[in-house]
Amino acid sequence: MRRREYVTSLGSGVGTLATAGLVGPQLRSLERVCPADDTTTVQPGNRVVFEADAGPGLEPSGVEWRTDGTGAADIAPAAPFWSYTRRTGNPAAHGRFDDGGTYEVVATVGEAAIAWQVEVSGDAPAAPSGTVTTDPGPDATVTTRNEIEVTATATDDGEALQRVIWQEGENATYVDTTDVSGSEATATYAVSAGDAIWFIGGYPMMAWIVCHDGRAAVSRTEGPSIEAMRDVTITGTNAPVRTGEKLVVDAEVAIHGDSLYHAFVDAEADLIVGHDPTHVDSASVEVYAGRTKSVQLAFTTATVRNTQTFPVRVETRHAASETDVTVVGTDDAGDHGSLEVTGLETNAPVTGGDRLEVTATLANPAEDPADREVELVVGDDPTTVDTQRVLVAAGQTTTVSLGYETYPVRNDDEFPVRVATGDDTASRSVLVHGLDDGGDEGDGGAGGDGSNGTASIAVSITGTNAPVTGGERLSVSAALENAGAAAGTETVELVVGRSPEVVDSSRISLAPGETATISLGYETYPVTTDDVFPVTVRTSGGSDTRTVTVYGTR
């Protein structure tokens, strides 16, 4: 008895070509792609690929496949060609006929159909053959930043090679197609390891070697192991520092990987210093794939007489970031660089008894670090009221804040303040209000409007976009009302979870009786199972809570 072992199909494109003699003339049609002719001949047990080109107005998912012949069963839509049809729009299927005889394979959509006649005979051309390899190979481990090249070598005695169809080998997901020809051919598919989800998941890759007459063979290969890339960037240091002081290096570790497969990744960061590289500090961080985390490394510099500049490098398993730092020696303190005062700001006017703050911008235009004692000098009878030691790298700028509590004078007083570095000075006049001149009236009462009232901002959650799927953004909307007698500014916080965590906040100012709406949110964790937890929007005057659901990714 003739028997068809299996024929499977995929549908997700569009197209129907009516064939005269089967269902009559139609307005929409399918055209043969593979086999190109209406008749093909194969050996028993050989695979055969069938594909049609869909015309306008047809839905490929509506195409039905069947096979007719002695002992043959109907064709059931299934993998591995479902995603191929979805990507290309061409209905496709494959079958394997174990017993000799004549079969008819028919693709039907609506009232239109197209058919192929399949002759199964031992005298037919043999199936094509091939092998698939990867570079790097299955024994290698690469990062998501590396490239992977997959190579298929194909042969066909009938000299009818047509193409290689690449598929991920676990879920039979279509990846790409490479055209080939003749009796021998080599096809390659190159991909970034970060995009090779099948290899990341430990799945093989399949290469379908297809001939013009539909004869086909399948080869597969395992790929290299792919781990998340641990990148690192130095974001800053506290250099220059004085000899014997602690040098601090701030860095950011970034994980380049697929969150589905890599999730949380442990990363070790090492601090290497000097022209003769020496390991001085390490730190471990756990970073979610696709995100970054800051890390701080430090060491105490050696005591040296002369100023030294040397490299510092932060390394991870896969990457490194380097910068130069300067340590000012004991013999060079105060003797190098030049510190100019390029900006001067104050919080004046203030009321007598309040603190007067002076902020200076300092620049070092020299080619060496500047190590200076900076002074704040006040009054017509100059008096030093505050000092601060600063160290500024060559060509860099910094800001320094100095200040003191003013005397509670009874009458307004205006006088100069001066910042001096030893290389440069800058001054300006400031005003201190006397207590007898209305300076104690300030800006009003607790509400800031001159009254004795206070602000009281109430909050009410008006909605959320829950439920969401893990990894998506959860948004919470809330209404705010200042029920107090004075204007006020309030920090509004979004707090989530049974172990409360503030995930978002915003500042808002409201007049008495004024209302406003606000939206807060955050990206949820890609949990694997459904999670139900409370979310709270709170101010100092009240809070409101809702329960939300985050669906798991499995």
Protein backbone atom coordinates (compact mmCIF):
# COMPACT_ATOMS: atom_id res chain seq x y z
CA MET A 1 0.00 0.00 0.00
CA ARG A 2 1.27 3.40 -0.86
CA ARG A 3 1.69 5.54 2.24
CA ARG A 4 2.55 9.22 2.81
CA GLU A 5 4.54 9.44 6.08
CA TYR A 6 3.89 13.13 6.58
CA VAL A 7 3.30 16.38 4.75
CA THR A 8 3.26 19.61 6.77
CA SER A 9 2.45 23.18 5.84
CA LEU A 10 2.69 26.72 7.04
CA GLY A 11 0.31 29.52 6.20
CA SER A 12 0.59 33.26 6.88
CA GLY A 13 0.91 34.97 3.51
CA VAL A 14 -1.66 35.76 0.80
CA GLY A 15 -2.34 34.37 -2.64
CA THR A 16 -4.60 32.07 -4.67
CA LEU A 17 -4.24 31.12 -8.34
CA ALA A 18 -7.15 29.14 -9.76
CA THR A 19 -6.15 26.26 -12.09
CA ALA A 20 -8.43 25.54 -15.07
CA GLY A 21 -9.91 22.06 -14.92
CA LEU A 22 -9.92 21.99 -11.13
CA VAL A 23 -12.26 24.74 -10.04
CA GLY A 24 -12.66 26.93 -13.11
CA PRO A 25 -11.37 30.47 -13.84
CA GLN A 26 -10.99 32.77 -10.82
CA LEU A 27 -10.13 36.43 -10.33
CA ARG A 28 -7.38 35.68 -7.75
CA SER A 29 -4.64 33.12 -8.17
CA LEU A 30 -1.62 31.25 -6.83
CA GLU A 31 1.46 30.64 -8.98
CA ARG A 32 3.88 27.75 -8.62
CA VAL A 33 7.27 28.59 -7.06
CA CYS A 34 8.52 25.14 -6.04
CA PRO A 35 8.40 22.71 -7.73
CA ALA A 36 8.48 25.10 -10.69
CA ASP A 37 6.70 22.56 -12.95
CA ASP A 38 3.37 20.87 -12.29
CA THR A 39 5.09 17.43 -12.13
CA THR A 40 8.09 16.28 -10.12
CA THR A 41 9.77 12.89 -9.58
CA VAL A 42 11.40 11.81 -6.31
CA GLN A 43 12.76 8.66 -4.71
CA PRO A 44 10.83 6.96 -1.87
CA GLY A 45 11.52 8.64 1.49
CA ASN A 46 12.77 11.88 -0.07
CA ARG A 47 11.56 15.25 1.25
CA VAL A 48 9.67 17.54 -1.14
CA VAL A 49 9.07 21.28 -0.60
CA PHE A 50 5.95 22.90 -2.10
CA GLU A 51 5.55 26.68 -2.36
CA ALA A 52 3.16 29.05 -4.12
CA ASP A 53 3.32 32.77 -4.83
CA ALA A 54 0.22 34.47 -3.39
CA GLY A 55 -1.55 37.12 -5.40
CA PRO A 56 -3.26 40.27 -4.08
CA GLY A 57 -6.30 39.91 -1.86
CA LEU A 58 -5.49 36.40 -0.62
CA GLU A 59 -4.77 35.42 2.99
CA PRO A 60 -2.04 32.74 3.14
CA SER A 61 -3.28 31.51 6.52
CA GLY A 62 -6.46 30.45 4.72
CA VAL A 63 -4.64 28.07 2.33
CA GLU A 64 -5.38 24.40 2.95
CA TRP A 65 -3.10 21.58 1.83
CA ARG A 66 -3.96 17.98 1.03
CA THR A 67 -2.44 15.03 -0.77
CA ASP A 68 -4.33 12.49 -2.88
CA GLY A 69 -3.14 9.01 -3.76
CA THR A 70 -3.52 5.40 -2.74
CA GLY A 71 -3.25 5.26 1.06
CA ALA A 72 -2.47 8.98 1.31
CA ALA A 73 -3.93 11.06 4.15
CA ASP A 74 -4.90 14.72 4.25
CA ILE A 75 -2.14 17.28 4.84
CA ALA A 76 -2.21 18.92 8.29
CA PRO A 77 -0.95 22.52 8.63
CA ALA A 78 2.06 22.56 10.98
CA ALA A 79 5.69 23.58 11.41
CA PRO A 80 8.33 24.01 10.14
CA PHE A 81 7.09 26.39 7.41
CA TRP A 82 4.55 28.45 9.36
CA SER A 83 6.97 31.32 10.05
CA TYR A 84 8.32 31.13 6.48
CA THR A 85 4.84 31.87 5.13
CA ARG A 86 4.32 34.62 7.69
CA ARG A 87 7.55 36.35 6.68
CA THR A 88 7.41 35.87 2.90
CA GLY A 89 3.65 35.78 2.25
CA ASN A 90 4.07 32.56 0.24
CA PRO A 91 2.08 29.49 1.36
CA ALA A 92 4.54 26.61 1.74
CA ALA A 93 4.58 22.99 2.91
CA HIS A 94 6.80 19.97 2.83
CA GLY A 95 6.15 16.24 2.58
CA ARG A 96 7.89 12.89 2.44
CA PHE A 97 6.50 9.94 0.46
CA ASP A 98 7.78 6.53 1.55
CA ASP A 99 5.95 4.33 -0.97
CA GLY A 100 6.21 4.37 -4.75
CA GLY A 101 3.31 5.60 -6.83
CA THR A 102 1.64 8.77 -8.04
CA TYR A 103 0.36 11.45 -5.69
CA GLU A 104 -1.30 14.81 -6.15
CA VAL A 105 -0.58 17.67 -3.73
CA VAL A 106 -3.20 20.42 -3.77
CA ALA A 107 -3.20 23.90 -2.21
CA THR A 108 -6.67 25.42 -1.89
CA VAL A 109 -7.97 28.82 -0.84
CA GLY A 110 -11.63 29.70 -1.20
CA GLU A 111 -12.81 28.25 -4.50
CA ALA A 112 -9.38 28.33 -6.16
CA ALA A 113 -6.60 25.72 -6.09
CA ILE A 114 -3.23 24.76 -7.53
CA ALA A 115 -1.84 21.22 -7.79
CA TRP A 116 1.41 19.30 -8.30
CA GLN A 117 1.74 15.68 -9.43
CA VAL A 118 4.44 13.74 -7.55
CA GLU A 119 5.89 10.54 -9.07
CA VAL A 120 7.64 8.39 -6.42
CA SER A 121 10.08 5.97 -8.06
CA GLY A 122 13.42 4.35 -7.34
CA ASP A 123 14.63 5.62 -10.74
CA ALA A 124 14.12 9.29 -9.74
CA PRO A 125 17.02 11.64 -8.92
CA ALA A 126 18.44 11.23 -5.44
CA ALA A 127 17.86 13.90 -2.81
CA PRO A 128 20.44 16.68 -2.48
CA SER A 129 22.89 16.48 0.41
CA GLY A 130 24.80 18.91 2.55
CA THR A 131 26.57 19.77 5.79
CA VAL A 132 26.35 22.82 8.06
CA THR A 133 29.10 24.27 10.25
CA THR A 134 29.57 27.39 12.38
CA ASP A 135 32.52 29.65 13.03
CA PRO A 136 33.18 29.83 15.96
CA GLY A 137 32.23 26.20 16.50
CA PRO A 138 30.04 24.48 19.12
CA ASP A 139 32.93 24.15 21.58
CA ALA A 140 33.57 27.91 21.66
CA THR A 141 32.09 30.56 23.97
CA VAL A 142 31.53 34.05 22.57
CA THR A 143 29.83 37.24 23.74
CA THR A 144 26.82 38.98 22.28
CA ARG A 145 29.21 41.41 20.55
CA ASN A 146 30.90 38.71 18.45
CA GLU A 147 29.93 37.62 14.94
CA ILE A 148 28.88 34.07 14.04
CA GLU A 149 29.07 32.68 10.50
CA VAL A 150 27.01 29.64 9.52
CA THR A 151 28.10 27.81 6.35
CA ALA A 152 26.10 25.23 4.40
CA THR A 153 27.83 23.09 1.74
CA ALA A 154 25.30 21.58 -0.71
CA THR A 155 25.54 19.07 -3.56
CA ASP A 156 23.00 17.70 -6.06
CA ASP A 157 23.68 15.14 -8.77
CA GLY A 158 20.79 16.59 -10.78
CA GLU A 159 22.50 20.03 -10.87
CA ALA A 160 19.23 21.65 -9.75
CA LEU A 161 20.22 23.46 -6.53
CA GLN A 162 17.96 26.48 -5.96
CA ARG A 163 18.30 27.86 -2.43
CA VAL A 164 19.14 27.29 1.21
CA ILE A 165 16.40 28.14 3.73
CA TRP A 166 17.80 28.92 7.20
CA GLN A 167 15.70 28.05 10.23
CA GLU A 168 16.16 28.10 13.99
CA GLY A 169 16.10 24.44 14.87
CA GLU A 170 14.02 24.30 18.06
CA ASN A 171 10.87 26.20 17.09
CA ALA A 172 11.45 26.01 13.30
CA THR A 173 11.44 29.79 12.99
CA TYR A 174 12.38 31.10 9.54
CA VAL A 175 15.56 33.20 9.56
CA ASP A 176 16.67 33.89 5.98
CA THR A 177 17.11 32.48 2.46
CA THR A 178 20.27 32.24 0.33
CA ASP A 179 20.04 31.53 -3.42
CA VAL A 180 22.34 28.82 -4.84
CA SER A 181 22.64 26.96 -8.16
CA GLY A 182 24.31 24.10 -10.01
CA SER A 183 25.53 20.81 -8.57
CA GLU A 184 27.76 22.19 -5.78
CA ALA A 185 27.35 25.37 -3.79
CA THR A 186 28.33 27.02 -0.54
CA ALA A 187 25.95 29.36 1.31
CA THR A 188 26.75 31.49 4.34
CA TYR A 189 24.66 33.29 6.90
CA ALA A 190 26.44 35.82 9.15
CA VAL A 191 24.81 37.18 12.28
CA SER A 192 25.74 39.12 15.40
CA ALA A 193 25.80 36.72 18.33
CA GLY A 194 23.44 39.04 20.18
CA ASP A 195 20.83 38.44 17.48
CA ALA A 196 21.37 34.67 17.31
CA ILE A 197 18.62 33.91 19.82
CA TRP A 198 18.57 30.23 18.85
CA PHE A 199 22.22 29.75 19.78
CA ILE A 200 21.76 31.82 22.97
CA GLY A 201 18.96 29.44 23.90
CA GLY A 202 21.10 26.41 23.13
CA TYR A 203 19.13 25.50 19.98
CA PRO A 204 20.63 24.23 16.68
CA MET A 205 20.34 25.92 13.29
CA MET A 206 18.79 24.12 10.32
CA ALA A 207 19.59 24.52 6.63
CA TRP A 208 16.97 23.28 4.14
CA ILE A 209 18.70 22.55 0.82
CA VAL A 210 16.02 22.89 -1.85
CA CYS A 211 16.15 22.09 -5.58
CA HIS A 212 14.06 23.58 -8.42
CA ASP A 213 11.98 20.41 -8.61
CA GLY A 214 11.19 20.47 -4.87
CA ARG A 215 13.61 17.76 -3.78
CA ALA A 216 15.02 18.76 -0.40
CA ALA A 217 17.31 17.72 2.43
CA VAL A 218 17.84 19.10 5.91
CA SER A 219 21.10 19.51 7.81
CA ARG A 220 21.64 21.08 11.20
CA THR A 221 24.44 22.25 13.48
CA GLU A 222 24.93 23.36 17.04
CA GLY A 223 26.42 26.82 17.57
CA PRO A 224 28.82 28.32 20.11
CA SER A 225 27.72 29.20 23.64
CA ILE A 226 26.83 32.88 23.93
CA GLU A 227 27.23 34.78 27.19
CA ALA A 228 26.24 38.34 28.01
CA MET A 229 28.84 41.02 27.22
CA ARG A 230 30.12 42.79 30.35
CA ASP A 231 31.09 46.25 29.12
CA VAL A 232 32.60 48.97 31.32
CA THR A 233 33.17 52.72 31.07
CA ILE A 234 35.01 54.97 33.52
CA THR A 235 32.62 57.84 34.25
CA GLY A 236 34.86 59.95 36.50
CA THR A 237 37.57 60.17 39.16
CA ASN A 238 38.37 62.53 42.02
CA ALA A 239 41.81 63.22 40.50
CA PRO A 240 43.97 65.10 40.95
CA VAL A 241 44.53 64.10 44.57
CA ARG A 242 47.29 64.88 46.99
CA THR A 243 49.86 62.21 47.70
CA GLY A 244 48.73 59.76 50.37
CA GLU A 245 45.04 60.52 49.79
CA LYS A 246 42.41 58.12 48.44
CA LEU A 247 41.91 58.04 44.66
CA VAL A 248 38.34 57.13 43.71
CA VAL A 249 37.33 55.82 40.27
CA ASP A 250 33.66 55.70 39.25
CA ALA A 251 32.65 53.30 36.47
CA GLU A 252 29.50 52.02 34.85
CA VAL A 253 29.05 48.33 34.01
CA ALA A 254 26.69 47.60 31.10
CA ILE A 255 25.31 44.16 30.26
CA HIS A 256 24.69 43.48 26.56
CA GLY A 257 22.56 40.36 26.35
CA ASP A 258 19.06 39.00 25.95
CA SER A 259 16.99 39.38 29.11
CA LEU A 260 15.03 36.19 28.36
CA TYR A 261 18.15 34.04 28.52
CA HIS A 262 20.64 36.05 30.58
CA ALA A 263 18.44 37.94 33.11
CA PHE A 264 20.64 38.99 36.07
CA VAL A 265 24.35 38.78 35.31
CA ASP A 266 27.21 38.82 37.84
CA ALA A 267 30.02 41.14 36.77
CA GLU A 268 33.42 41.55 38.44
CA ALA A 269 35.15 44.92 37.99
CA ASP A 270 38.89 45.25 38.74
CA LEU A 271 40.89 48.44 39.23
CA ILE A 272 44.39 48.27 37.70
CA VAL A 273 46.78 51.21 38.22
CA GLY A 274 50.21 52.34 37.09
CA HIS A 275 52.61 52.00 34.20
CA ASP A 276 53.63 48.71 35.79
CA PRO A 277 50.02 47.49 36.10
CA THR A 278 49.02 46.61 39.66
CA HIS A 279 45.65 45.28 40.81
CA VAL A 280 44.43 47.43 43.74
CA ASP A 281 40.67 46.92 44.12
CA SER A 282 37.69 44.82 42.96
CA ALA A 283 33.92 45.03 43.17
CA SER A 284 31.11 42.65 42.19
CA VAL A 285 27.75 43.85 40.88
CA GLU A 286 24.61 42.09 39.67
CA VAL A 287 23.16 43.76 36.59
CA TYR A 288 20.00 42.95 34.68
CA ALA A 289 20.63 42.21 31.00
CA GLY A 290 20.24 45.32 28.86
CA ARG A 291 20.81 47.67 31.79
CA THR A 292 23.72 49.35 33.58
CA LYS A 293 24.92 49.71 37.15
CA SER A 294 27.46 52.04 38.74
CA VAL A 295 30.47 50.74 40.64
CA GLN A 296 33.08 52.63 42.68
CA LEU A 297 36.66 51.47 43.14
CA ALA A 298 39.40 53.14 45.18
CA PHE A 299 42.90 52.89 46.63
CA THR A 300 45.14 55.01 48.84
CA THR A 301 47.96 56.58 46.84
CA ALA A 302 51.55 56.20 47.93
CA THR A 303 53.41 59.15 49.45
CA VAL A 304 55.63 60.69 46.77
CA ARG A 305 57.64 63.91 46.65
CA ASN A 306 57.07 64.75 42.99
CA THR A 307 53.80 65.01 41.07
CA GLN A 308 53.00 61.88 39.05
CA THR A 309 50.56 61.14 36.24
CA PHE A 310 49.74 57.49 35.51
CA PRO A 311 46.96 55.36 33.96
CA VAL A 312 44.10 53.74 35.86
CA ARG A 313 42.07 51.01 34.17
CA VAL A 314 38.82 49.29 35.10
CA GLU A 315 38.49 45.80 33.63
CA THR A 316 35.67 43.26 33.36
CA ARG A 317 35.84 39.79 31.83
CA HIS A 318 35.22 41.22 28.37
CA ALA A 319 36.15 44.90 28.32
CA ALA A 320 38.33 47.64 29.79
CA SER A 321 38.21 51.43 30.17
CA GLU A 322 41.28 53.57 30.90
CA THR A 323 42.09 57.16 31.85
CA ASP A 324 45.06 59.10 33.26
CA VAL A 325 45.12 60.55 36.79
CA THR A 326 47.48 62.89 38.61
CA VAL A 327 48.79 62.67 42.18
CA VAL A 328 50.42 65.88 43.50
CA GLY A 329 53.67 65.20 45.35
CA THR A 330 54.62 66.71 48.70
CA ASP A 331 57.28 68.98 47.15
CA ASP A 332 54.86 70.36 44.56
CA ALA A 333 51.86 71.36 46.70
CA GLY A 334 51.02 74.99 45.98
CA ASP A 335 53.92 75.48 43.57
CA HIS A 336 52.20 74.53 40.32
CA GLY A 337 49.23 75.68 38.30
CA SER A 338 47.27 78.90 38.60
CA LEU A 339 43.80 79.27 40.10
CA GLU A 340 41.65 82.01 38.60
CA VAL A 341 38.23 83.05 39.92
CA THR A 342 35.99 83.09 36.86
CA GLY A 343 32.57 83.34 38.54
CA LEU A 344 31.08 84.52 41.82
CA GLU A 345 27.50 84.05 43.09
CA THR A 346 25.85 84.65 46.49
CA ASN A 347 22.49 84.05 48.17
CA ALA A 348 22.28 87.73 49.22
CA PRO A 349 20.27 89.54 50.36
CA VAL A 350 19.88 87.65 53.63
CA THR A 351 18.55 88.72 57.02
CA GLY A 352 20.98 89.41 59.84
CA GLY A 353 21.75 86.17 61.64
CA ASP A 354 21.19 84.01 58.52
CA ARG A 355 23.99 82.22 56.66
CA LEU A 356 25.55 84.01 53.72
CA GLU A 357 26.66 81.57 51.00
CA VAL A 358 29.25 82.42 48.34
CA THR A 359 29.88 80.08 45.40
CA ALA A 360 32.99 80.63 43.29
CA THR A 361 33.96 79.07 39.95
CA LEU A 362 37.69 78.38 39.78
CA ALA A 363 39.69 77.67 36.63
CA ASN A 364 43.23 76.37 36.22
CA PRO A 365 44.57 77.42 32.77
CA ALA A 366 48.05 76.10 33.50
CA GLU A 367 49.66 72.82 32.42
CA ASP A 368 50.08 71.57 36.00
CA PRO A 369 47.58 70.95 38.83
CA ALA A 370 46.81 73.85 41.17
CA ASP A 371 46.71 73.06 44.91
CA ARG A 372 45.47 76.11 46.85
CA GLU A 373 43.86 77.34 50.05
CA VAL A 374 40.84 79.40 48.97
CA GLU A 375 39.63 82.13 51.35
CA LEU A 376 36.35 84.01 51.84
CA VAL A 377 37.13 87.54 53.04
CA VAL A 378 34.32 89.93 54.08
CA GLY A 379 33.87 93.57 55.13
CA ASP A 380 35.48 96.92 54.61
CA ASP A 381 37.85 95.92 57.36
CA PRO A 382 38.75 92.62 55.66
CA THR A 383 38.19 89.52 57.78
CA THR A 384 38.71 85.90 56.66
CA VAL A 385 35.56 83.97 57.67
CA ASP A 386 35.98 80.63 55.80
CA THR A 387 38.65 78.66 53.95
CA GLN A 388 38.74 75.50 51.84
CA ARG A 389 41.62 73.56 50.29
CA VAL A 390 41.07 72.75 46.62
CA LEU A 391 43.01 70.83 44.01
CA VAL A 392 42.20 71.51 40.34
CA ALA A 393 43.66 69.54 37.43
CA ALA A 394 45.41 71.30 34.56
CA GLY A 395 42.94 72.93 32.19
CA GLN A 396 39.96 72.08 34.43
CA THR A 397 37.41 74.08 36.43
CA THR A 398 35.64 73.46 39.73
CA THR A 399 33.22 75.19 42.07
CA VAL A 400 33.68 75.86 45.77
CA SER A 401 31.09 76.96 48.33
CA LEU A 402 32.12 79.13 51.28
CA GLY A 403 30.02 80.92 53.86
CA TYR A 404 29.37 82.11 57.39
CA GLU A 405 26.54 83.14 59.73
CA THR A 406 26.04 86.90 59.48
CA TYR A 407 25.78 89.10 62.55
CA PRO A 408 22.15 89.92 63.55
CA VAL A 409 22.45 93.61 62.70
CA ARG A 410 19.51 95.92 63.52
CA ASN A 411 19.88 98.06 60.36
CA ASP A 412 20.56 97.12 56.72
CA ASP A 413 24.26 96.68 56.01
CA GLU A 414 26.00 96.52 52.62
CA PHE A 415 29.62 95.42 52.37
CA PRO A 416 32.05 93.60 50.00
CA VAL A 417 32.83 89.87 49.96
CA ARG A 418 35.95 88.58 48.25
CA VAL A 419 37.20 85.11 47.23
CA ALA A 420 40.98 84.86 47.09
CA THR A 421 43.08 81.96 45.76
CA GLY A 422 46.57 83.40 46.10
CA ASP A 423 46.70 83.76 42.33
CA ASP A 424 43.53 85.76 41.79
CA THR A 425 40.64 87.45 43.62
CA ALA A 426 37.07 88.42 42.78
CA SER A 427 34.62 90.48 44.86
CA ARG A 428 31.09 91.83 44.93
CA SER A 429 28.84 93.76 47.30
CA VAL A 430 26.15 92.01 49.34
CA LEU A 431 23.21 93.27 51.40
CA VAL A 432 22.24 92.01 54.86
CA HIS A 433 18.81 93.18 56.08
CA GLY A 434 18.66 94.60 59.59
CA LEU A 435 16.13 93.21 62.06
CA ASP A 436 14.62 96.66 62.56
CA ASP A 437 14.17 97.14 58.79
CA GLY A 438 11.52 94.44 58.21
CA GLY A 439 13.94 91.70 57.34
CA ASP A 440 12.33 89.39 59.86
CA GLU A 441 9.10 89.27 57.88
CA GLY A 442 10.64 86.86 55.40
CA ASP A 443 8.36 85.43 52.71
CA GLY A 444 5.33 84.86 54.92
CA GLY A 445 4.04 82.07 57.11
CA ALA A 446 4.38 78.35 56.77
CA GLY A 447 2.38 78.40 53.58
CA GLY A 448 4.71 80.91 51.90
CA ASP A 449 1.87 83.38 51.19
CA GLY A 450 2.30 85.76 54.15
CA SER A 451 -0.49 84.08 56.14
CA ASN A 452 -0.35 81.68 59.05
CA GLY A 453 -1.96 78.94 56.98
CA THR A 454 -0.31 75.79 55.68
CA ALA A 455 -0.57 73.73 52.53
CA SER A 456 -2.20 70.28 52.68
CA ILE A 457 -2.04 68.34 49.45
CA ALA A 458 -4.37 65.33 49.30
CA VAL A 459 -3.97 62.54 46.72
CA SER A 460 -6.34 60.06 45.06
CA ILE A 461 -5.40 57.39 42.46
CA THR A 462 -7.64 57.78 39.41
CA GLY A 463 -6.41 54.82 37.35
CA THR A 464 -3.64 52.48 36.20
CA ASN A 465 -2.82 50.64 32.98
CA ALA A 466 -2.69 47.31 34.84
CA PRO A 467 -2.59 44.48 34.13
CA VAL A 468 0.71 44.67 32.20
CA THR A 469 3.19 41.98 31.18
CA GLY A 470 6.48 41.76 33.06
CA GLY A 471 9.06 44.10 31.52
CA GLU A 472 6.41 46.60 30.36
CA ARG A 473 5.84 50.05 31.92
CA LEU A 474 3.24 50.32 34.68
CA SER A 475 1.61 53.78 34.80
CA VAL A 476 -0.45 55.20 37.67
CA SER A 477 -2.55 58.40 37.40
CA ALA A 478 -3.51 60.44 40.47
CA ALA A 479 -5.49 63.57 41.29
CA LEU A 480 -4.01 66.13 43.71
CA GLU A 481 -5.77 68.91 45.65
CA ASN A 482 -4.34 71.56 47.96
CA ALA A 483 -6.94 71.60 50.74
CA GLY A 484 -4.85 73.95 52.89
CA ALA A 485 -4.94 77.71 53.33
CA ALA A 486 -1.57 78.42 51.73
CA ALA A 487 0.33 77.62 48.58
CA GLY A 488 2.74 74.74 48.80
CA THR A 489 5.23 72.59 46.90
CA GLU A 490 5.11 68.85 47.46
CA THR A 491 7.02 65.75 46.41
CA VAL A 492 4.64 63.10 45.10
CA GLU A 493 6.01 59.53 45.25
CA LEU A 494 5.02 56.23 43.62
CA VAL A 495 5.69 53.36 46.05
CA VAL A 496 5.35 49.72 44.93
CA GLY A 497 5.54 46.25 46.42
CA ARG A 498 5.03 44.49 49.72
CA SER A 499 8.54 45.63 50.70
CA PRO A 500 7.82 49.25 49.75
CA GLU A 501 10.16 50.79 47.18
CA VAL A 502 9.96 54.32 45.74
CA VAL A 503 10.20 53.89 41.95
CA ASP A 504 9.19 57.37 40.70
CA SER A 505 8.54 60.86 42.07
CA SER A 506 7.67 64.36 40.93
CA ARG A 507 7.54 67.86 42.47
CA ILE A 508 4.34 69.86 42.15
CA SER A 509 3.27 73.32 43.38
CA LEU A 510 -0.39 74.15 44.09
CA ALA A 511 -2.19 77.29 45.23
CA PRO A 512 -4.89 77.01 47.94
CA GLY A 513 -7.82 75.04 46.51
CA GLU A 514 -5.97 74.26 43.27
CA THR A 515 -6.14 70.75 41.75
CA ALA A 516 -3.88 68.89 39.33
CA THR A 517 -3.35 65.46 37.83
CA ILE A 518 -0.07 63.58 37.66
CA SER A 519 1.19 60.38 36.03
CA LEU A 520 3.95 58.27 37.56
CA GLY A 521 5.35 54.94 36.45
CA TYR A 522 8.24 52.52 36.07
CA GLU A 523 9.38 49.54 34.00
CA THR A 524 8.27 46.35 35.76
CA TYR A 525 10.61 43.40 36.18
CA PRO A 526 10.13 40.61 33.59
CA VAL A 527 8.79 38.11 36.13
CA THR A 528 8.19 34.56 34.94
CA THR A 529 4.95 34.07 36.91
CA ASP A 530 2.01 36.41 37.57
CA ASP A 531 2.57 38.84 40.45
CA VAL A 532 -0.07 40.82 42.40
CA PHE A 533 1.09 43.66 44.65
CA PRO A 534 0.07 47.11 45.98
CA VAL A 535 1.00 50.47 44.45
CA THR A 536 0.70 53.66 46.50
CA VAL A 537 0.83 57.33 45.53
CA ARG A 538 1.71 59.43 48.57
CA THR A 539 2.39 62.99 49.68
CA SER A 540 3.13 64.32 53.15
CA GLY A 541 -0.60 65.04 53.44
CA GLY A 542 -1.98 61.63 52.51
CA SER A 543 -1.80 58.55 50.28
CA ASP A 544 -3.93 56.24 48.14
CA THR A 545 -3.33 52.55 47.30
CA ARG A 546 -4.41 50.16 44.56
CA THR A 547 -3.64 46.50 43.87
CA VAL A 548 -2.22 45.71 40.41
CA THR A 549 -1.30 42.58 38.45
CA VAL A 550 1.84 41.99 36.38
CA TYR A 551 1.60 38.93 34.10
CA GLY A 552 4.53 36.53 33.99
CA THR A 553 6.46 36.04 30.76
CA ARG A 554 5.86 32.27 30.77
